[in-house]
Amino acid sequence: MGVLVDYFTTGSEQVARQALTGGPAGAKLPYVDCKGWVDELEVLVAEISGRDLSEFGDSETVVDDGEVSGVERIAPETVAALADVDDARLRAYAEDELLEEWETGRITALRDLAREARRLGHQLYRWSCV
């Protein structure tokens, strides 16, 4: 059994809470599907940006059903660092890590979601479900 993970953005914590049972797709929120791939965004952002993981704040639990699913708000420092990754750095990281095209596409989508969140003044969230 694995963990399902999606990253999404919204301007309202109340709306983010609505993603608990059906995920961001069920709540009709913009999201990136990372099921079975990226469950610790902070680690990925540290690797891509070349920064130390300790520079990023911790995510904060918004809602958790205590059994199978939860929603966390990603630390603003993580979102900002991800949004600031330029295409050249992203390509270099993908080449260094020998990523497949779909993996690079997913990182690009995450970066673009972080940029959209910042542009709109929204937060970035992680929904997970066992």
N, C-alpha and C. Protein backbone atom coordinates (compact mmCIF):
# COMPACT_ATOMS: atom_id res chain seq x y z
N MET A 1 0.85 -1.17 0.00
CA MET A 1 0.00 0.00 0.00
C MET A 1 0.89 1.23 0.00
N GLY A 2 0.57 2.22 -0.83
CA GLY A 2 1.37 3.42 -0.94
C GLY A 2 0.62 4.64 -0.46
N VAL A 3 1.31 5.76 -0.56
CA VAL A 3 0.73 7.03 -0.17
C VAL A 3 0.44 7.83 -1.44
N LEU A 4 -0.77 8.35 -1.53
CA LEU A 4 -1.15 9.23 -2.63
C LEU A 4 -0.83 10.65 -2.20
N VAL A 5 -0.21 11.41 -3.09
CA VAL A 5 0.18 12.78 -2.78
C VAL A 5 -0.13 13.68 -3.96
N ASP A 6 -0.80 14.79 -3.69
CA ASP A 6 -1.03 15.85 -4.67
C ASP A 6 -0.65 17.17 -4.02
N TYR A 7 -0.13 18.08 -4.82
CA TYR A 7 0.15 19.44 -4.37
C TYR A 7 -0.86 20.35 -5.05
N PHE A 8 -1.40 21.30 -4.29
CA PHE A 8 -2.42 22.19 -4.85
C PHE A 8 -2.31 23.57 -4.25
N THR A 9 -3.03 24.50 -4.86
CA THR A 9 -3.00 25.87 -4.38
C THR A 9 -4.42 26.41 -4.24
N THR A 10 -4.57 27.24 -3.23
CA THR A 10 -5.81 27.95 -3.01
C THR A 10 -5.51 29.16 -2.12
N GLY A 11 -6.39 30.13 -2.16
CA GLY A 11 -6.21 31.33 -1.35
C GLY A 11 -6.93 31.25 -0.01
N SER A 12 -7.54 30.12 0.28
CA SER A 12 -8.35 30.00 1.49
C SER A 12 -8.06 28.69 2.21
N GLU A 13 -7.74 28.80 3.48
CA GLU A 13 -7.52 27.59 4.27
C GLU A 13 -8.81 26.78 4.37
N GLN A 14 -9.93 27.47 4.43
CA GLN A 14 -11.22 26.78 4.48
C GLN A 14 -11.42 25.92 3.23
N VAL A 15 -11.06 26.45 2.07
CA VAL A 15 -11.17 25.68 0.83
C VAL A 15 -10.16 24.53 0.85
N ALA A 16 -8.97 24.77 1.36
CA ALA A 16 -7.96 23.71 1.45
C ALA A 16 -8.48 22.55 2.29
N ARG A 17 -9.21 22.84 3.33
CA ARG A 17 -9.78 21.80 4.19
C ARG A 17 -10.76 20.92 3.43
N GLN A 18 -11.42 21.49 2.43
CA GLN A 18 -12.40 20.74 1.64
C GLN A 18 -11.74 19.65 0.80
N ALA A 19 -10.44 19.74 0.62
CA ALA A 19 -9.72 18.73 -0.16
C ALA A 19 -9.45 17.46 0.64
N LEU A 20 -9.74 17.45 1.93
CA LEU A 20 -9.39 16.33 2.79
C LEU A 20 -9.93 15.00 2.27
N THR A 21 -11.20 14.93 1.95
CA THR A 21 -11.79 13.63 1.61
C THR A 21 -11.60 13.22 0.16
N GLY A 22 -11.66 14.14 -0.78
CA GLY A 22 -11.56 13.76 -2.19
C GLY A 22 -10.33 14.27 -2.89
N GLY A 23 -9.42 14.89 -2.13
CA GLY A 23 -8.23 15.46 -2.73
C GLY A 23 -8.55 16.73 -3.48
N PRO A 24 -7.54 17.38 -4.02
CA PRO A 24 -7.77 18.64 -4.74
C PRO A 24 -8.58 18.45 -6.02
N ALA A 25 -8.48 17.29 -6.64
CA ALA A 25 -9.29 17.05 -7.84
C ALA A 25 -10.77 17.06 -7.49
N GLY A 26 -11.11 16.41 -6.39
CA GLY A 26 -12.50 16.39 -5.94
C GLY A 26 -13.02 17.76 -5.54
N ALA A 27 -12.12 18.61 -5.06
CA ALA A 27 -12.49 19.97 -4.67
C ALA A 27 -12.36 20.96 -5.83
N LYS A 28 -11.98 20.43 -7.00
CA LYS A 28 -11.82 21.24 -8.22
C LYS A 28 -10.82 22.38 -8.05
N LEU A 29 -9.66 22.03 -7.47
CA LEU A 29 -8.58 22.99 -7.26
C LEU A 29 -7.44 22.68 -8.21
N PRO A 30 -6.66 23.70 -8.60
CA PRO A 30 -5.49 23.44 -9.44
C PRO A 30 -4.46 22.62 -8.66
N TYR A 31 -3.98 21.54 -9.27
CA TYR A 31 -3.07 20.66 -8.55
C TYR A 31 -2.11 19.95 -9.50
N VAL A 32 -1.09 19.35 -8.88
CA VAL A 32 -0.15 18.49 -9.60
C VAL A 32 -0.17 17.14 -8.90
N ASP A 33 -0.44 16.11 -9.67
CA ASP A 33 -0.51 14.74 -9.18
C ASP A 33 0.91 14.21 -8.98
N CYS A 34 1.24 13.88 -7.75
CA CYS A 34 2.58 13.35 -7.44
C CYS A 34 2.50 12.00 -6.77
N LYS A 35 1.43 11.28 -7.02
CA LYS A 35 1.22 9.98 -6.39
C LYS A 35 2.40 9.05 -6.65
N GLY A 36 2.99 8.59 -5.57
CA GLY A 36 4.10 7.66 -5.67
C GLY A 36 5.39 8.28 -6.16
N TRP A 37 5.46 9.61 -6.16
CA TRP A 37 6.65 10.22 -6.72
C TRP A 37 7.29 11.24 -5.79
N VAL A 38 6.63 12.33 -5.49
CA VAL A 38 7.20 13.36 -4.61
C VAL A 38 6.32 13.52 -3.38
N ASP A 39 6.80 13.01 -2.26
CA ASP A 39 6.03 13.20 -1.04
C ASP A 39 6.70 14.20 -0.09
N GLU A 40 7.95 14.50 -0.31
CA GLU A 40 8.67 15.48 0.51
C GLU A 40 9.19 16.59 -0.38
N LEU A 41 8.34 17.56 -0.66
CA LEU A 41 8.68 18.65 -1.58
C LEU A 41 9.89 19.43 -1.10
N GLU A 42 10.04 19.57 0.20
CA GLU A 42 11.14 20.35 0.75
C GLU A 42 12.49 19.76 0.34
N VAL A 43 12.60 18.44 0.35
CA VAL A 43 13.84 17.77 -0.03
C VAL A 43 14.14 18.02 -1.50
N LEU A 44 13.13 17.87 -2.34
CA LEU A 44 13.29 18.12 -3.77
C LEU A 44 13.73 19.55 -4.04
N VAL A 45 13.09 20.51 -3.39
CA VAL A 45 13.43 21.92 -3.61
C VAL A 45 14.85 22.22 -3.14
N ALA A 46 15.26 21.64 -2.03
CA ALA A 46 16.64 21.83 -1.55
C ALA A 46 17.63 21.30 -2.59
N GLU A 47 17.34 20.12 -3.14
CA GLU A 47 18.23 19.54 -4.15
C GLU A 47 18.29 20.40 -5.41
N ILE A 48 17.14 20.82 -5.90
CA ILE A 48 17.10 21.60 -7.14
C ILE A 48 17.76 22.96 -6.95
N SER A 49 17.46 23.62 -5.85
CA SER A 49 17.96 24.98 -5.63
C SER A 49 19.40 25.01 -5.13
N GLY A 50 19.92 23.86 -4.71
CA GLY A 50 21.28 23.81 -4.19
C GLY A 50 21.39 24.42 -2.79
N ARG A 51 20.26 24.56 -2.12
CA ARG A 51 20.25 25.13 -0.78
C ARG A 51 20.15 24.02 0.25
N ASP A 52 20.48 24.34 1.49
CA ASP A 52 20.41 23.38 2.57
C ASP A 52 18.95 23.25 3.04
N LEU A 53 18.56 22.04 3.32
CA LEU A 53 17.20 21.76 3.76
C LEU A 53 16.82 22.57 5.00
N SER A 54 17.79 22.87 5.84
CA SER A 54 17.52 23.63 7.07
C SER A 54 17.07 25.06 6.80
N GLU A 55 17.23 25.54 5.56
CA GLU A 55 16.80 26.90 5.22
C GLU A 55 15.29 27.00 5.04
N PHE A 56 14.63 25.86 4.93
CA PHE A 56 13.19 25.86 4.69
C PHE A 56 12.44 25.59 5.98
N GLY A 57 11.33 26.28 6.13
CA GLY A 57 10.48 26.03 7.29
C GLY A 57 9.75 24.71 7.15
N ASP A 58 9.09 24.32 8.20
CA ASP A 58 8.33 23.08 8.19
C ASP A 58 6.93 23.32 7.65
N SER A 59 6.39 22.30 7.00
CA SER A 59 4.99 22.38 6.60
C SER A 59 4.14 22.33 7.86
N GLU A 60 2.91 22.81 7.73
CA GLU A 60 2.02 22.90 8.88
C GLU A 60 0.73 22.15 8.58
N THR A 61 0.32 21.28 9.49
CA THR A 61 -0.92 20.54 9.29
C THR A 61 -2.10 21.49 9.36
N VAL A 62 -2.95 21.41 8.33
CA VAL A 62 -4.17 22.21 8.27
C VAL A 62 -5.34 21.39 8.78
N VAL A 63 -5.43 20.16 8.31
CA VAL A 63 -6.48 19.25 8.74
C VAL A 63 -6.00 17.82 8.52
N ASP A 64 -6.40 16.94 9.43
CA ASP A 64 -6.00 15.54 9.36
C ASP A 64 -7.15 14.72 9.92
N ASP A 65 -7.57 13.70 9.19
CA ASP A 65 -8.69 12.90 9.69
C ASP A 65 -8.27 11.87 10.74
N GLY A 66 -6.98 11.81 11.03
CA GLY A 66 -6.49 10.89 12.04
C GLY A 66 -6.39 9.45 11.59
N GLU A 67 -6.77 9.18 10.36
CA GLU A 67 -6.73 7.81 9.87
C GLU A 67 -5.99 7.68 8.55
N VAL A 68 -6.51 8.31 7.50
CA VAL A 68 -5.91 8.05 6.20
C VAL A 68 -5.51 9.29 5.40
N SER A 69 -6.09 10.44 5.66
CA SER A 69 -5.74 11.59 4.82
C SER A 69 -5.50 12.85 5.63
N GLY A 70 -4.77 13.77 4.99
CA GLY A 70 -4.46 15.03 5.63
C GLY A 70 -4.07 16.08 4.62
N VAL A 71 -4.11 17.32 5.06
CA VAL A 71 -3.71 18.46 4.24
C VAL A 71 -2.71 19.28 5.04
N GLU A 72 -1.58 19.60 4.41
CA GLU A 72 -0.55 20.43 5.04
C GLU A 72 -0.28 21.66 4.18
N ARG A 73 -0.01 22.77 4.84
CA ARG A 73 0.40 23.98 4.14
C ARG A 73 1.93 23.94 4.03
N ILE A 74 2.43 24.12 2.82
CA ILE A 74 3.87 24.11 2.58
C ILE A 74 4.45 25.44 3.06
N ALA A 75 5.60 25.40 3.67
CA ALA A 75 6.26 26.60 4.21
C ALA A 75 6.51 27.61 3.09
N PRO A 76 6.27 28.88 3.35
CA PRO A 76 6.47 29.91 2.34
C PRO A 76 7.89 29.94 1.77
N GLU A 77 8.89 29.60 2.60
CA GLU A 77 10.28 29.57 2.11
C GLU A 77 10.47 28.50 1.04
N THR A 78 9.80 27.39 1.21
CA THR A 78 9.88 26.30 0.23
C THR A 78 9.21 26.72 -1.07
N VAL A 79 8.04 27.33 -0.95
CA VAL A 79 7.29 27.78 -2.14
C VAL A 79 8.10 28.82 -2.90
N ALA A 80 8.68 29.77 -2.18
CA ALA A 80 9.46 30.83 -2.84
C ALA A 80 10.68 30.24 -3.55
N ALA A 81 11.39 29.33 -2.89
CA ALA A 81 12.58 28.73 -3.50
C ALA A 81 12.21 27.93 -4.75
N LEU A 82 11.10 27.21 -4.70
CA LEU A 82 10.66 26.46 -5.86
C LEU A 82 10.24 27.39 -7.00
N ALA A 83 9.49 28.42 -6.67
CA ALA A 83 9.05 29.38 -7.69
C ALA A 83 10.23 30.08 -8.36
N ASP A 84 11.32 30.24 -7.64
CA ASP A 84 12.50 30.94 -8.18
C ASP A 84 13.41 30.08 -9.05
N VAL A 85 13.15 28.78 -9.12
CA VAL A 85 13.98 27.90 -9.95
C VAL A 85 13.74 28.24 -11.43
N ASP A 86 14.80 28.63 -12.12
CA ASP A 86 14.63 28.96 -13.53
C ASP A 86 14.77 27.72 -14.40
N ASP A 87 14.40 27.87 -15.67
CA ASP A 87 14.40 26.73 -16.59
C ASP A 87 15.79 26.11 -16.74
N ALA A 88 16.81 26.94 -16.80
CA ALA A 88 18.17 26.43 -16.97
C ALA A 88 18.57 25.56 -15.78
N ARG A 89 18.28 26.01 -14.57
CA ARG A 89 18.61 25.23 -13.37
C ARG A 89 17.81 23.93 -13.34
N LEU A 90 16.56 24.02 -13.72
CA LEU A 90 15.72 22.83 -13.73
C LEU A 90 16.25 21.80 -14.74
N ARG A 91 16.64 22.25 -15.92
CA ARG A 91 17.21 21.34 -16.93
C ARG A 91 18.52 20.72 -16.44
N ALA A 92 19.37 21.54 -15.81
CA ALA A 92 20.64 21.05 -15.29
C ALA A 92 20.40 19.98 -14.23
N TYR A 93 19.45 20.22 -13.35
CA TYR A 93 19.13 19.24 -12.31
C TYR A 93 18.64 17.95 -12.96
N ALA A 94 17.76 18.07 -13.94
CA ALA A 94 17.21 16.89 -14.62
C ALA A 94 18.32 16.08 -15.29
N GLU A 95 19.27 16.78 -15.90
CA GLU A 95 20.39 16.09 -16.55
C GLU A 95 21.29 15.42 -15.52
N ASP A 96 21.60 16.13 -14.43
CA ASP A 96 22.46 15.57 -13.39
C ASP A 96 21.85 14.33 -12.75
N GLU A 97 20.53 14.34 -12.58
CA GLU A 97 19.83 13.24 -11.92
C GLU A 97 19.33 12.18 -12.91
N LEU A 98 19.61 12.40 -14.19
CA LEU A 98 19.18 11.47 -15.24
C LEU A 98 17.67 11.22 -15.19
N LEU A 99 16.93 12.31 -15.03
CA LEU A 99 15.47 12.20 -14.95
C LEU A 99 14.87 11.92 -16.32
N GLU A 100 13.79 11.19 -16.29
CA GLU A 100 13.04 10.95 -17.52
C GLU A 100 12.21 12.18 -17.83
N GLU A 101 11.74 12.29 -19.06
CA GLU A 101 10.99 13.46 -19.50
C GLU A 101 9.75 13.71 -18.63
N TRP A 102 9.04 12.64 -18.27
CA TRP A 102 7.83 12.83 -17.47
C TRP A 102 8.17 13.37 -16.08
N GLU A 103 9.33 12.97 -15.53
CA GLU A 103 9.75 13.48 -14.22
C GLU A 103 10.08 14.96 -14.30
N THR A 104 10.79 15.34 -15.36
CA THR A 104 11.11 16.76 -15.55
C THR A 104 9.83 17.56 -15.73
N GLY A 105 8.88 17.00 -16.45
CA GLY A 105 7.59 17.67 -16.65
C GLY A 105 6.85 17.87 -15.34
N ARG A 106 6.94 16.89 -14.48
CA ARG A 106 6.25 16.99 -13.19
C ARG A 106 6.91 18.06 -12.31
N ILE A 107 8.24 18.12 -12.32
CA ILE A 107 8.93 19.16 -11.54
C ILE A 107 8.58 20.54 -12.10
N THR A 108 8.54 20.64 -13.42
CA THR A 108 8.16 21.91 -14.05
C THR A 108 6.75 22.31 -13.64
N ALA A 109 5.84 21.35 -13.63
CA ALA A 109 4.46 21.64 -13.22
C ALA A 109 4.39 22.09 -11.76
N LEU A 110 5.19 21.47 -10.89
CA LEU A 110 5.23 21.89 -9.49
C LEU A 110 5.78 23.30 -9.37
N ARG A 111 6.85 23.57 -10.10
CA ARG A 111 7.43 24.92 -10.09
C ARG A 111 6.41 25.95 -10.58
N ASP A 112 5.71 25.61 -11.65
CA ASP A 112 4.71 26.54 -12.20
C ASP A 112 3.55 26.74 -11.24
N LEU A 113 3.16 25.69 -10.51
CA LEU A 113 2.11 25.81 -9.51
C LEU A 113 2.56 26.74 -8.38
N ALA A 114 3.82 26.63 -7.96
CA ALA A 114 4.36 27.52 -6.93
C ALA A 114 4.38 28.96 -7.43
N ARG A 115 4.73 29.16 -8.69
CA ARG A 115 4.72 30.51 -9.26
C ARG A 115 3.31 31.08 -9.30
N GLU A 116 2.35 30.24 -9.67
CA GLU A 116 0.96 30.69 -9.72
C GLU A 116 0.45 31.04 -8.33
N ALA A 117 0.80 30.22 -7.34
CA ALA A 117 0.40 30.51 -5.97
C ALA A 117 0.97 31.86 -5.52
N ARG A 118 2.24 32.07 -5.82
CA ARG A 118 2.87 33.34 -5.43
C ARG A 118 2.22 34.51 -6.15
N ARG A 119 1.97 34.36 -7.44
CA ARG A 119 1.36 35.44 -8.25
C ARG A 119 -0.01 35.84 -7.70
N LEU A 120 -0.77 34.83 -7.28
CA LEU A 120 -2.13 35.09 -6.79
C LEU A 120 -2.19 35.39 -5.30
N GLY A 121 -1.05 35.27 -4.61
CA GLY A 121 -1.05 35.47 -3.16
C GLY A 121 -1.69 34.29 -2.43
N HIS A 122 -1.64 33.11 -3.03
CA HIS A 122 -2.20 31.90 -2.44
C HIS A 122 -1.13 31.11 -1.72
N GLN A 123 -1.56 30.08 -1.03
CA GLN A 123 -0.66 29.14 -0.37
C GLN A 123 -0.57 27.87 -1.21
N LEU A 124 0.49 27.11 -0.99
CA LEU A 124 0.66 25.81 -1.62
C LEU A 124 0.43 24.76 -0.53
N TYR A 125 -0.32 23.71 -0.88
CA TYR A 125 -0.70 22.67 0.07
C TYR A 125 -0.31 21.30 -0.47
N ARG A 126 -0.14 20.37 0.47
CA ARG A 126 0.09 18.97 0.12
C ARG A 126 -1.07 18.17 0.70
N TRP A 127 -1.75 17.43 -0.18
CA TRP A 127 -2.79 16.49 0.25
C TRP A 127 -2.19 15.10 0.18
N SER A 128 -2.38 14.31 1.22
CA SER A 128 -1.88 12.93 1.20
C SER A 128 -2.96 12.00 1.73
N CYS A 129 -2.93 10.79 1.21
CA CYS A 129 -3.91 9.79 1.59
C CYS A 129 -3.25 8.42 1.49
N VAL A 130 -3.45 7.61 2.51
CA VAL A 130 -2.90 6.25 2.52
C VAL A 130 -3.89 5.30 1.87
